[in-house]
PDB file of N, CA and C in Angstrom:
ATOM      1  N   MET A   1      87.547  91.830  94.760  1.00  0.00           N
ATOM      2  CA  MET A   1      88.238  90.843  96.423  1.00  0.00           C
ATOM      3  C   MET A   1      87.947  89.292  95.284  1.00  0.00           C
ATOM      4  N   LYS A   2      89.053  88.675  95.441  1.00  0.00           N
ATOM      5  CA  LYS A   2      88.559  87.147  94.671  1.00  0.00           C
ATOM      6  C   LYS A   2      89.105  86.228  95.640  1.00  0.00           C
ATOM      7  N   ILE A   3      88.344  85.056  95.724  1.00  0.00           N
ATOM      8  CA  ILE A   3      88.718  84.591  97.412  1.00  0.00           C
ATOM      9  C   ILE A   3      88.233  82.964  96.517  1.00  0.00           C
ATOM     10  N   VAL A   4      89.361  82.695  96.816  1.00  0.00           N
ATOM     11  CA  VAL A   4      89.546  81.142  95.910  1.00  0.00           C
ATOM     12  C   VAL A   4      89.298  79.535  97.177  1.00  0.00           C
ATOM     13  N   PHE A   5      88.493  78.936  97.179  1.00  0.00           N
ATOM     14  CA  PHE A   5      88.511  77.761  98.230  1.00  0.00           C
ATOM     15  C   PHE A   5      89.145  76.564  96.829  1.00  0.00           C
ATOM     16  N   LEU A   6      89.656  75.897  97.557  1.00  0.00           N
ATOM     17  CA  LEU A   6      90.522  74.466  96.661  1.00  0.00           C
ATOM     18  C   LEU A   6      90.300  73.620  97.212  1.00  0.00           C
ATOM     19  N   GLU A   7      89.409  73.595  98.209  1.00  0.00           N
ATOM     20  CA  GLU A   7      89.030  71.836  98.496  1.00  0.00           C
ATOM     21  C   GLU A   7      87.530  72.064  99.138  1.00  0.00           C
ATOM     22  N   THR A   8      86.551  72.574  98.856  1.00  0.00           N
ATOM     23  CA  THR A   8      85.858  72.366  99.727  1.00  0.00           C
ATOM     24  C   THR A   8      84.940  70.846 100.381  1.00  0.00           C
ATOM     25  N   GLU A   9      85.141  69.932  99.008  1.00  0.00           N
ATOM     26  CA  GLU A   9      84.757  69.013  99.968  1.00  0.00           C
ATOM     27  C   GLU A   9      85.344  68.281 101.116  1.00  0.00           C
ATOM     28  N   THR A  10      86.411  68.807 101.391  1.00  0.00           N
ATOM     29  CA  THR A  10      87.301  68.571 102.454  1.00  0.00           C
ATOM     30  C   THR A  10      86.701  69.418 103.777  1.00  0.00           C
ATOM     31  N   LEU A  11      85.274  70.160 103.374  1.00  0.00           N
ATOM     32  CA  LEU A  11      84.833  70.916 104.783  1.00  0.00           C
ATOM     33  C   LEU A  11      83.679  70.272 105.023  1.00  0.00           C
ATOM     34  N   GLY A  12      83.112  69.505 105.062  1.00  0.00           N
ATOM     35  CA  GLY A  12      81.950  68.682 105.195  1.00  0.00           C
ATOM     36  C   GLY A  12      80.492  69.752 104.472  1.00  0.00           C
ATOM     37  N   ASN A  13      79.445  69.163 104.629  1.00  0.00           N
ATOM     38  CA  ASN A  13      78.377  69.899 104.391  1.00  0.00           C
ATOM     39  C   ASN A  13      77.678  70.307 105.305  1.00  0.00           C
ATOM     40  N   ASP A  14      78.285  70.921 106.387  1.00  0.00           N
ATOM     41  CA  ASP A  14      77.243  71.617 107.268  1.00  0.00           C
ATOM     42  C   ASP A  14      78.337  72.783 107.825  1.00  0.00           C
ATOM     43  N   VAL A  15      79.576  73.393 106.382  1.00  0.00           N
ATOM     44  CA  VAL A  15      80.065  74.483 106.766  1.00  0.00           C
ATOM     45  C   VAL A  15      79.115  75.635 105.767  1.00  0.00           C
ATOM     46  N   ASP A  16      78.892  76.819 106.343  1.00  0.00           N
ATOM     47  CA  ASP A  16      78.090  77.788 105.321  1.00  0.00           C
ATOM     48  C   ASP A  16      79.406  78.857 104.613  1.00  0.00           C
ATOM     49  N   LEU A  17      79.278  78.656 103.666  1.00  0.00           N
ATOM     50  CA  LEU A  17      80.743  79.726 102.203  1.00  0.00           C
ATOM     51  C   LEU A  17      79.811  80.585 102.967  1.00  0.00           C
ATOM     52  N   SER A  18      78.699  80.787 102.554  1.00  0.00           N
ATOM     53  CA  SER A  18      78.053  81.654 101.131  1.00  0.00           C
ATOM     54  C   SER A  18      78.040  83.647 102.022  1.00  0.00           C
ATOM     55  N   ILE A  19      78.695  83.416 103.547  1.00  0.00           N
ATOM     56  CA  ILE A  19      79.564  84.567 104.004  1.00  0.00           C
ATOM     57  C   ILE A  19      80.443  85.488 103.482  1.00  0.00           C
ATOM     58  N   PHE A  20      81.524  84.219 102.464  1.00  0.00           N
ATOM     59  CA  PHE A  20      82.175  85.302 101.731  1.00  0.00           C
ATOM     60  C   PHE A  20      81.989  85.744 100.253  1.00  0.00           C
ATOM     61  N   ASP A  21      80.539  85.705 100.196  1.00  0.00           N
ATOM     62  CA  ASP A  21      79.802  85.832  98.576  1.00  0.00           C
ATOM     63  C   ASP A  21      80.119  87.702  98.856  1.00  0.00           C
ATOM     64  N   GLN A  22      79.918  88.253 100.266  1.00  0.00           N
ATOM     65  CA  GLN A  22      79.782  89.808 100.687  1.00  0.00           C
ATOM     66  C   GLN A  22      80.639  90.536 100.503  1.00  0.00           C
ATOM     67  N   LEU A  23      81.914  89.271 100.070  1.00  0.00           N
ATOM     68  CA  LEU A  23      83.389  90.235 100.297  1.00  0.00           C
ATOM     69  C   LEU A  23      83.692  90.138  98.794  1.00  0.00           C
ATOM     70  N   GLY A  24      83.316  89.324  97.814  1.00  0.00           N
ATOM     71  CA  GLY A  24      84.212  89.910  96.844  1.00  0.00           C
ATOM     72  C   GLY A  24      83.479  88.805  96.041  1.00  0.00           C
ATOM     73  N   GLU A  25      84.187  88.011  94.938  1.00  0.00           N
ATOM     74  CA  GLU A  25      84.011  86.773  93.999  1.00  0.00           C
ATOM     75  C   GLU A  25      84.812  85.884  94.648  1.00  0.00           C
ATOM     76  N   VAL A  26      83.766  85.259  94.687  1.00  0.00           N
ATOM     77  CA  VAL A  26      84.186  83.901  95.047  1.00  0.00           C
ATOM     78  C   VAL A  26      83.918  82.256  94.616  1.00  0.00           C
ATOM     79  N   VAL A  27      85.446  81.915  94.085  1.00  0.00           N
ATOM     80  CA  VAL A  27      85.452  80.565  93.274  1.00  0.00           C
ATOM     81  C   VAL A  27      85.728  79.513  94.093  1.00  0.00           C
ATOM     82  N   LYS A  28      85.133  78.521  94.300  1.00  0.00           N
ATOM     83  CA  LYS A  28      85.026  77.426  95.126  1.00  0.00           C
ATOM     84  C   LYS A  28      85.318  76.275  94.325  1.00  0.00           C
ATOM     85  N   TYR A  29      86.759  75.434  94.402  1.00  0.00           N
ATOM     86  CA  TYR A  29      86.506  73.864  93.967  1.00  0.00           C
ATOM     87  C   TYR A  29      86.656  72.914  94.563  1.00  0.00           C
ATOM     88  N   PRO A  30      85.698  71.444  94.419  1.00  0.00           N
ATOM     89  CA  PRO A  30      85.499  71.268  95.441  1.00  0.00           C
ATOM     90  C   PRO A  30      87.145  70.521  95.618  1.00  0.00           C
ATOM     91  N   ARG A  31      86.996  69.611  95.044  1.00  0.00           N
ATOM     92  CA  ARG A  31      89.270  69.216  94.881  1.00  0.00           C
ATOM     93  C   ARG A  31      89.676  70.008  93.856  1.00  0.00           C
ATOM     94  N   SER A  32      91.332  69.887  94.376  1.00  0.00           N
ATOM     95  CA  SER A  32      92.179  70.364  93.603  1.00  0.00           C
ATOM     96  C   SER A  32      93.977  69.312  93.565  1.00  0.00           C
ATOM     97  N   ASN A  33      94.501  69.900  92.624  1.00  0.00           N
ATOM     98  CA  ASN A  33      95.325  68.977  92.921  1.00  0.00           C
ATOM     99  C   ASN A  33      97.231  69.586  92.571  1.00  0.00           C
ATOM    100  N   PRO A  34      97.953  69.454  92.294  1.00  0.00           N
ATOM    101  CA  PRO A  34      99.464  70.879  91.981  1.00  0.00           C
ATOM    102  C   PRO A  34      99.199  71.356  90.895  1.00  0.00           C
ATOM    103  N   GLU A  35      98.776  70.290  90.005  1.00  0.00           N
ATOM    104  CA  GLU A  35      98.900  70.891  88.055  1.00  0.00           C
ATOM    105  C   GLU A  35      97.802  71.889  88.592  1.00  0.00           C
ATOM    106  N   GLU A  36      97.026  71.883  89.171  1.00  0.00           N
ATOM    107  CA  GLU A  36      96.049  72.630  88.922  1.00  0.00           C
ATOM    108  C   GLU A  36      95.969  74.038  89.941  1.00  0.00           C
ATOM    109  N   ASN A  37      96.522  73.555  91.045  1.00  0.00           N
ATOM    110  CA  ASN A  37      96.748  75.090  91.469  1.00  0.00           C
ATOM    111  C   ASN A  37      97.314  76.285  91.214  1.00  0.00           C
ATOM    112  N   ALA A  38      98.198  76.256  90.481  1.00  0.00           N
ATOM    113  CA  ALA A  38      98.790  77.514  89.944  1.00  0.00           C
ATOM    114  C   ALA A  38      98.263  78.383  89.041  1.00  0.00           C
ATOM    115  N   ARG A  39      97.502  77.484  87.985  1.00  0.00           N
ATOM    116  CA  ARG A  39      96.267  78.194  87.147  1.00  0.00           C
ATOM    117  C   ARG A  39      95.132  78.995  88.675  1.00  0.00           C
ATOM    118  N   ARG A  40      94.687  77.926  89.487  1.00  0.00           N
ATOM    119  CA  ARG A  40      93.179  78.284  90.300  1.00  0.00           C
ATOM    120  C   ARG A  40      93.957  79.869  90.952  1.00  0.00           C
ATOM    121  N   ILE A  41      95.243  80.032  91.597  1.00  0.00           N
ATOM    122  CA  ILE A  41      95.614  80.917  92.546  1.00  0.00           C
ATOM    123  C   ILE A  41      95.831  82.345  91.726  1.00  0.00           C
ATOM    124  N   ALA A  42      96.320  82.025  90.481  1.00  0.00           N
ATOM    125  CA  ALA A  42      97.217  82.933  90.074  1.00  0.00           C
ATOM    126  C   ALA A  42      96.670  84.743  90.625  1.00  0.00           C
ATOM    127  N   ASP A  43      94.940  84.583  90.399  1.00  0.00           N
ATOM    128  CA  ASP A  43      94.659  85.829  90.718  1.00  0.00           C
ATOM    129  C   ASP A  43      93.713  85.915  91.602  1.00  0.00           C
ATOM    130  N   ALA A  44      94.038  85.450  92.821  1.00  0.00           N
ATOM    131  CA  ALA A  44      93.511  84.974  94.375  1.00  0.00           C
ATOM    132  C   ALA A  44      93.955  86.244  94.842  1.00  0.00           C
ATOM    133  N   ASP A  45      93.169  86.840  95.523  1.00  0.00           N
ATOM    134  CA  ASP A  45      93.277  87.772  96.675  1.00  0.00           C
ATOM    135  C   ASP A  45      93.435  87.030  98.455  1.00  0.00           C
ATOM    136  N   ILE A  46      92.639  85.865  98.235  1.00  0.00           N
ATOM    137  CA  ILE A  46      92.495  85.171  99.266  1.00  0.00           C
ATOM    138  C   ILE A  46      92.333  84.133  99.342  1.00  0.00           C
ATOM    139  N   LEU A  47      93.468  83.188  99.720  1.00  0.00           N
ATOM    140  CA  LEU A  47      93.444  81.499  99.505  1.00  0.00           C
ATOM    141  C   LEU A  47      92.748  80.999 100.677  1.00  0.00           C
ATOM    142  N   ILE A  48      91.829  79.866 100.381  1.00  0.00           N
ATOM    143  CA  ILE A  48      91.917  79.176 101.137  1.00  0.00           C
ATOM    144  C   ILE A  48      91.950  77.774 100.497  1.00  0.00           C
ATOM    145  N   VAL A  49      92.476  77.176 102.172  1.00  0.00           N
ATOM    146  CA  VAL A  49      92.632  75.453 101.592  1.00  0.00           C
ATOM    147  C   VAL A  49      92.549  75.036 103.445  1.00  0.00           C
ATOM    148  N   ASN A  50      92.192  73.825 103.287  1.00  0.00           N
ATOM    149  CA  ASN A  50      91.998  72.756 104.510  1.00  0.00           C
ATOM    150  C   ASN A  50      93.418  72.226 104.711  1.00  0.00           C
ATOM    151  N   LYS A  51      93.343  71.063 103.349  1.00  0.00           N
ATOM    152  CA  LYS A  51      94.369  70.367 104.174  1.00  0.00           C
ATOM    153  C   LYS A  51      95.604  69.813 102.946  1.00  0.00           C
ATOM    154  N   ILE A  52      95.639  71.372 101.760  1.00  0.00           N
ATOM    155  CA  ILE A  52      96.377  70.860 100.684  1.00  0.00           C
ATOM    156  C   ILE A  52      97.486  71.627 101.599  1.00  0.00           C
ATOM    157  N   PRO A  53      98.656  71.241 101.264  1.00  0.00           N
ATOM    158  CA  PRO A  53      99.985  71.828 101.903  1.00  0.00           C
ATOM    159  C   PRO A  53     100.327  72.954 100.767  1.00  0.00           C
ATOM    160  N   MET A  54     100.205  74.178 101.373  1.00  0.00           N
ATOM    161  CA  MET A  54     100.992  75.366 100.782  1.00  0.00           C
ATOM    162  C   MET A  54     102.237  75.783 100.959  1.00  0.00           C
ATOM    163  N   ASN A  55     103.706  75.428 100.060  1.00  0.00           N
ATOM    164  CA  ASN A  55     104.908  75.877 100.733  1.00  0.00           C
ATOM    165  C   ASN A  55     105.286  77.482  99.587  1.00  0.00           C
ATOM    166  N   GLU A  56     106.191  78.153  99.681  1.00  0.00           N
ATOM    167  CA  GLU A  56     106.174  79.177  99.601  1.00  0.00           C
ATOM    168  C   GLU A  56     106.353  79.304  97.953  1.00  0.00           C
ATOM    169  N   SER A  57     106.751  78.236  97.148  1.00  0.00           N
ATOM    170  CA  SER A  57     106.856  78.668  95.739  1.00  0.00           C
ATOM    171  C   SER A  57     105.196  78.692  94.847  1.00  0.00           C
ATOM    172  N   THR A  58     104.358  77.601  95.812  1.00  0.00           N
ATOM    173  CA  THR A  58     103.606  77.608  95.474  1.00  0.00           C
ATOM    174  C   THR A  58     103.053  79.094  95.343  1.00  0.00           C
ATOM    175  N   LEU A  59     102.982  79.578  97.150  1.00  0.00           N
ATOM    176  CA  LEU A  59     101.994  80.643  96.827  1.00  0.00           C
ATOM    177  C   LEU A  59     102.405  81.607  96.486  1.00  0.00           C
ATOM    178  N   LYS A  60     104.045  82.095  95.590  1.00  0.00           N
ATOM    179  CA  LYS A  60     104.076  83.257  94.832  1.00  0.00           C
ATOM    180  C   LYS A  60     103.671  82.944  94.280  1.00  0.00           C
ATOM    181  N   LEU A  61     102.588  82.121  93.294  1.00  0.00           N
ATOM    182  CA  LEU A  61     102.062  82.146  91.831  1.00  0.00           C
ATOM    183  C   LEU A  61     100.668  82.607  92.027  1.00  0.00           C
ATOM    184  N   ALA A  62     100.551  83.384  93.446  1.00  0.00           N
ATOM    185  CA  ALA A  62      99.039  84.415  94.028  1.00  0.00           C
ATOM    186  C   ALA A  62      99.635  85.377  93.906  1.00  0.00           C
ATOM    187  N   LYS A  63      98.285  86.500  93.613  1.00  0.00           N
ATOM    188  CA  LYS A  63      98.929  87.786  93.799  1.00  0.00           C
ATOM    189  C   LYS A  63      99.478  88.630  94.706  1.00  0.00           C
TER     190      LYS A  63
END
């Protein structure tokens, strides 16, 4: 399972994301922009965002 975080910088420094490592491959991007999102989520099983707006057309790009 591939878990993708698109904007870890917005979560703060006190959030421990290591628990996700037990669930599969974890990819963390400090920040992301709309041009990068499509490529970054293409093979994601789980997508975690905080402030980036996601719409139907963007989410359809993920598996």
